[in-house]
Amino acid sequence: MKVIFKVYTYLKAELGAGELHLEFPGREEVSLDEVLNEVEKVTSKKIRDKVLKDGKIKEGLIFVLNGKSVIPENASEVYLKDGDVISILPPGSGG
């Protein structure tokens, strides 16, 4: 299965890319926690510390799965299937 992982602003700068296409051969679904593990493996960047604290999603971050906001408490509660797109948006800032 394949999923797309998208990040913006400082998270994009941290990873060096705004979009990653990830593959999980032989799987029908994966948790967001597993996706973050794969992102770290592929990029050698510690994105987990930027979006999670004690296994829970940091306050203020917006997670969007296939265009719909998701409000999970734990990263292990969000599951992705083949073709899904997960986006992580940092809190907005004014100007």
C-alpha atoms as a PDB file:
ATOM      1  CA  MET A   1       0.000   0.000   0.000  1.00  0.00           C
ATOM      2  CA  LYS A   2       1.020   3.597  -0.544  1.00  0.00           C
ATOM      3  CA  VAL A   3       0.206   6.746   1.423  1.00  0.00           C
ATOM      4  CA  ILE A   4       1.158  10.380   0.975  1.00  0.00           C
ATOM      5  CA  PHE A   5       2.521  12.354   3.929  1.00  0.00           C
ATOM      6  CA  LYS A   6       2.384  16.167   3.664  1.00  0.00           C
ATOM      7  CA  VAL A   7       3.751  18.875   5.935  1.00  0.00           C
ATOM      8  CA  TYR A   8       3.935  22.652   5.743  1.00  0.00           C
ATOM      9  CA  THR A   9       5.966  25.653   6.992  1.00  0.00           C
ATOM     10  CA  TYR A  10       8.545  24.798   9.667  1.00  0.00           C
ATOM     11  CA  LEU A  11       7.795  21.064   9.389  1.00  0.00           C
ATOM     12  CA  LYS A  12       8.506  21.219   5.657  1.00  0.00           C
ATOM     13  CA  ALA A  13      11.778  23.031   6.346  1.00  0.00           C
ATOM     14  CA  GLU A  14      12.671  20.427   8.981  1.00  0.00           C
ATOM     15  CA  LEU A  15      12.133  17.493   6.584  1.00  0.00           C
ATOM     16  CA  GLY A  16      13.493  19.217   3.497  1.00  0.00           C
ATOM     17  CA  ALA A  17      10.364  18.210   1.566  1.00  0.00           C
ATOM     18  CA  GLY A  18       6.686  19.017   1.778  1.00  0.00           C
ATOM     19  CA  GLU A  19       5.449  15.694   0.470  1.00  0.00           C
ATOM     20  CA  LEU A  20       6.619  12.114   0.822  1.00  0.00           C
ATOM     21  CA  HIS A  21       5.205   9.051  -0.936  1.00  0.00           C
ATOM     22  CA  LEU A  22       5.559   6.119   1.428  1.00  0.00           C
ATOM     23  CA  GLU A  23       5.133   2.421   0.702  1.00  0.00           C
ATOM     24  CA  PHE A  24       4.109  -0.327   3.095  1.00  0.00           C
ATOM     25  CA  PRO A  25       4.284  -3.575   1.105  1.00  0.00           C
ATOM     26  CA  GLY A  26       1.817  -6.271   2.067  1.00  0.00           C
ATOM     27  CA  ARG A  27      -0.150  -4.020   4.431  1.00  0.00           C
ATOM     28  CA  GLU A  28      -3.837  -3.085   4.219  1.00  0.00           C
ATOM     29  CA  GLU A  29      -3.600  -0.267   6.760  1.00  0.00           C
ATOM     30  CA  VAL A  30      -1.005   1.463   8.926  1.00  0.00           C
ATOM     31  CA  SER A  31      -1.248   3.726  11.947  1.00  0.00           C
ATOM     32  CA  LEU A  32      -0.075   7.318  11.922  1.00  0.00           C
ATOM     33  CA  ASP A  33       2.544   6.184  14.411  1.00  0.00           C
ATOM     34  CA  GLU A  34       3.901   3.730  11.812  1.00  0.00           C
ATOM     35  CA  VAL A  35       3.828   6.458   9.156  1.00  0.00           C
ATOM     36  CA  LEU A  36       5.916   8.731  11.386  1.00  0.00           C
ATOM     37  CA  ASN A  37       8.391   5.874  11.941  1.00  0.00           C
ATOM     38  CA  GLU A  38       8.709   5.441   8.166  1.00  0.00           C
ATOM     39  CA  VAL A  39       9.168   9.189   7.618  1.00  0.00           C
ATOM     40  CA  GLU A  40      12.025   9.191  10.102  1.00  0.00           C
ATOM     41  CA  LYS A  41      13.547   6.122   8.461  1.00  0.00           C
ATOM     42  CA  VAL A  42      13.345   7.602   4.942  1.00  0.00           C
ATOM     43  CA  THR A  43      14.481  11.139   5.821  1.00  0.00           C
ATOM     44  CA  SER A  44      16.745  10.516   8.841  1.00  0.00           C
ATOM     45  CA  LYS A  45      14.931  13.458  10.471  1.00  0.00           C
ATOM     46  CA  LYS A  46      13.266  13.391  13.877  1.00  0.00           C
ATOM     47  CA  ILE A  47       9.784  14.585  12.902  1.00  0.00           C
ATOM     48  CA  ARG A  48       8.162  12.643  15.750  1.00  0.00           C
ATOM     49  CA  ASP A  49       9.450  15.108  18.375  1.00  0.00           C
ATOM     50  CA  LYS A  50       7.940  17.972  16.390  1.00  0.00           C
ATOM     51  CA  VAL A  51       4.412  16.522  16.251  1.00  0.00           C
ATOM     52  CA  LEU A  52       4.102  14.237  19.292  1.00  0.00           C
ATOM     53  CA  LYS A  53       4.656  14.554  23.015  1.00  0.00           C
ATOM     54  CA  ASP A  54       4.505  11.364  25.099  1.00  0.00           C
ATOM     55  CA  GLY A  55       2.847   9.566  22.161  1.00  0.00           C
ATOM     56  CA  LYS A  56       0.093  12.171  21.944  1.00  0.00           C
ATOM     57  CA  ILE A  57      -0.402  14.719  19.188  1.00  0.00           C
ATOM     58  CA  LYS A  58       0.883  18.141  20.214  1.00  0.00           C
ATOM     59  CA  GLU A  59      -1.724  20.759  20.926  1.00  0.00           C
ATOM     60  CA  GLY A  60      -2.361  23.221  18.112  1.00  0.00           C
ATOM     61  CA  LEU A  61      -1.373  20.958  15.230  1.00  0.00           C
ATOM     62  CA  ILE A  62      -4.058  20.193  12.672  1.00  0.00           C
ATOM     63  CA  PHE A  63      -4.168  16.739  11.125  1.00  0.00           C
ATOM     64  CA  VAL A  64      -6.083  16.331   7.876  1.00  0.00           C
ATOM     65  CA  LEU A  65      -6.832  12.880   6.462  1.00  0.00           C
ATOM     66  CA  ASN A  66      -8.116  12.904   2.885  1.00  0.00           C
ATOM     67  CA  GLY A  67      -9.322  16.490   3.231  1.00  0.00           C
ATOM     68  CA  LYS A  68     -11.089  16.021   6.567  1.00  0.00           C
ATOM     69  CA  SER A  69      -9.792  17.201   9.903  1.00  0.00           C
ATOM     70  CA  VAL A  70      -9.086  14.457  12.413  1.00  0.00           C
ATOM     71  CA  ILE A  71      -8.793  15.086  16.127  1.00  0.00           C
ATOM     72  CA  PRO A  72      -7.064  12.061  17.603  1.00  0.00           C
ATOM     73  CA  GLU A  73      -5.498  12.059  21.009  1.00  0.00           C
ATOM     74  CA  ASN A  74      -2.901   9.431  20.136  1.00  0.00           C
ATOM     75  CA  ALA A  75      -1.042   8.829  16.903  1.00  0.00           C
ATOM     76  CA  SER A  76      -1.845   5.139  17.174  1.00  0.00           C
ATOM     77  CA  GLU A  77      -5.587   5.923  16.850  1.00  0.00           C
ATOM     78  CA  VAL A  78      -5.364   7.176  13.257  1.00  0.00           C
ATOM     79  CA  TYR A  79      -5.233   4.512  10.550  1.00  0.00           C
ATOM     80  CA  LEU A  80      -4.423   5.045   6.881  1.00  0.00           C
ATOM     81  CA  LYS A  81      -5.301   2.838   3.928  1.00  0.00           C
ATOM     82  CA  ASP A  82      -3.941   2.602   0.400  1.00  0.00           C
ATOM     83  CA  GLY A  83      -4.055   5.969  -1.362  1.00  0.00           C
ATOM     84  CA  ASP A  84      -4.733   8.017   1.768  1.00  0.00           C
ATOM     85  CA  VAL A  85      -3.188  11.456   2.200  1.00  0.00           C
ATOM     86  CA  ILE A  86      -2.308  12.711   5.683  1.00  0.00           C
ATOM     87  CA  SER A  87      -1.348  16.359   6.123  1.00  0.00           C
ATOM     88  CA  ILE A  88      -0.005  18.032   9.233  1.00  0.00           C
ATOM     89  CA  LEU A  89      -0.546  21.761   9.522  1.00  0.00           C
ATOM     90  CA  PRO A  90       1.064  23.823  12.239  1.00  0.00           C
ATOM     91  CA  PRO A  91      -0.974  26.420  14.093  1.00  0.00           C
ATOM     92  CA  GLY A  92      -1.665  29.575  12.139  1.00  0.00           C
ATOM     93  CA  SER A  93       0.030  32.803  12.991  1.00  0.00           C
ATOM     94  CA  GLY A  94      -1.151  36.334  12.531  1.00  0.00           C
ATOM     95  CA  GLY A  95       0.581  39.230  10.972  1.00  0.00           C
END
